[in-house]
Protein backbone atom coordinates (compact mmCIF):
# COMPACT_ATOMS: atom_id res chain seq x y z
CA UNK A 1 0.04 0.04 0.25
CA UNK A 2 1.39 3.14 -1.14
CA UNK A 3 1.93 6.50 0.93
CA UNK A 4 -1.20 7.83 -1.76
CA UNK A 5 -3.41 5.42 -0.57
CA UNK A 6 -3.08 5.73 2.73
CA UNK A 7 -3.68 9.47 2.56
CA UNK A 8 -6.75 8.57 0.55
CA UNK A 9 -8.06 6.30 2.92
CA UNK A 10 -7.40 8.94 5.69
CA UNK A 11 -9.67 11.93 3.93
CA UNK A 12 -12.13 9.25 2.97
CA UNK A 13 -12.51 8.72 6.67
CA UNK A 14 -12.66 11.98 7.69
CA UNK A 15 -15.29 12.77 5.25
CA UNK A 16 -17.59 9.93 6.29
CA UNK A 17 -16.88 11.10 9.87
CA UNK A 18 -18.19 14.63 8.44
CA UNK A 19 -21.25 13.08 6.70
CA UNK A 20 -22.38 11.20 9.91
CA UNK A 21 -22.07 14.11 11.93
CA UNK A 22 -23.82 16.39 9.77
CA UNK A 23 -26.83 13.28 9.39
CA UNK A 24 -26.85 13.31 13.27
CA UNK A 25 -27.42 17.41 13.59
CA UNK A 26 -30.26 16.99 10.76
CA UNK A 27 -32.16 14.39 12.71
CA UNK A 28 -31.43 16.69 15.99
CA UNK A 29 -32.69 20.05 13.87
CA UNK A 30 -35.62 18.03 12.83
CA UNK A 31 -37.01 16.79 15.90
CA UNK A 32 -36.56 20.49 17.56
CA UNK A 33 -38.20 22.39 14.77
CA UNK A 34 -41.39 19.91 15.04
CA UNK A 35 -41.21 20.55 18.81
CA UNK A 36 -40.97 24.00 18.26
CA UNK A 37 -43.52 24.69 15.66
CA UNK A 38 -46.20 22.47 17.77
CA UNK A 39 -45.37 24.77 20.68
CA UNK A 40 -45.88 27.86 18.71
CA UNK A 41 -48.84 26.72 17.11
CA UNK A 42 -50.46 25.75 20.41
CA UNK A 43 -49.74 28.93 21.54
CA UNK A 44 -50.42 31.41 18.89
CA UNK A 45 -53.72 29.60 18.38
CA UNK A 46 -56.83 31.93 18.66
CA UNK A 47 -58.27 29.64 21.59
CA UNK A 48 -59.14 30.35 25.57
CA UNK A 49 -56.66 29.54 28.14
CA UNK A 50 -57.93 26.42 29.17
CA UNK A 51 -57.95 25.23 25.44
CA UNK A 52 -54.53 25.85 25.06
CA UNK A 53 -54.05 24.69 28.24
CA UNK A 54 -55.29 21.17 27.19
CA UNK A 55 -53.70 21.61 23.71
CA UNK A 56 -50.44 21.68 25.16
CA UNK A 57 -50.98 18.72 27.77
CA UNK A 58 -52.11 16.92 24.75
CA UNK A 59 -49.30 17.75 22.26
CA UNK A 60 -46.55 16.86 25.56
CA UNK A 61 -48.18 13.71 25.43
CA UNK A 62 -47.51 12.81 21.86
CA UNK A 63 -44.33 14.51 21.61
CA UNK A 64 -42.12 11.46 22.31
CA UNK A 65 -43.92 9.50 20.11
CA UNK A 66 -43.11 11.99 17.19
CA UNK A 67 -39.69 12.48 17.90
CA UNK A 68 -39.25 8.52 18.25
CA UNK A 69 -40.94 8.73 14.54
CA UNK A 70 -38.65 11.30 13.29
CA UNK A 71 -35.62 9.34 14.62
CA UNK A 72 -36.81 6.25 13.03
CA UNK A 73 -37.51 8.12 9.56
CA UNK A 74 -34.24 9.47 9.68
CA UNK A 75 -32.28 6.10 10.79
CA UNK A 76 -34.10 4.74 7.26
CA UNK A 77 -32.83 7.39 5.46
CA UNK A 78 -29.47 7.59 6.85
CA UNK A 79 -29.43 3.59 5.95
CA UNK A 80 -30.63 4.37 2.09
CA UNK A 81 -27.66 7.19 2.12
CA UNK A 82 -25.10 4.81 3.40
CA UNK A 83 -26.38 1.86 0.86
CA UNK A 84 -25.89 4.28 -1.99
CA UNK A 85 -22.54 5.88 -0.66
CA UNK A 86 -21.36 2.07 -0.49
CA UNK A 87 -22.43 1.05 -3.74
CA UNK A 88 -20.63 3.98 -5.03
CA UNK A 89 -17.30 3.50 -3.10
CA UNK A 90 -17.48 -0.01 -4.81
CA UNK A 91 -17.90 1.60 -8.39
CA UNK A 92 -15.04 3.93 -7.59
CA UNK A 93 -12.78 1.11 -6.19
CA UNK A 94 -13.16 -0.97 -9.56
CA UNK A 95 -12.62 1.77 -11.73
CA UNK A 96 -9.22 2.72 -9.65
CA UNK A 97 -8.44 -0.95 -9.91
CA UNK A 98 -8.61 -1.24 -13.92
């Protein structure tokens, strides 16, 4: 294995870590955005205080489930992207070997 191969391998590993961090941050951002949107919607709705409090309680009870759904959807997307990246990496590796 040449020095250039080692350098290229290190570069690919760093890029992979950066992509994983970005995907994680996107998932966290989506969960936070959903939460804030739900809260803002409840607070800005033209309802009485009692109705708003009931909506807040209902939204708080639904929040963990919604967050789980978002995390699961994000995991599926991450796995899809990882699969596509592996396919492209295999193609590039084959092209370099030829």
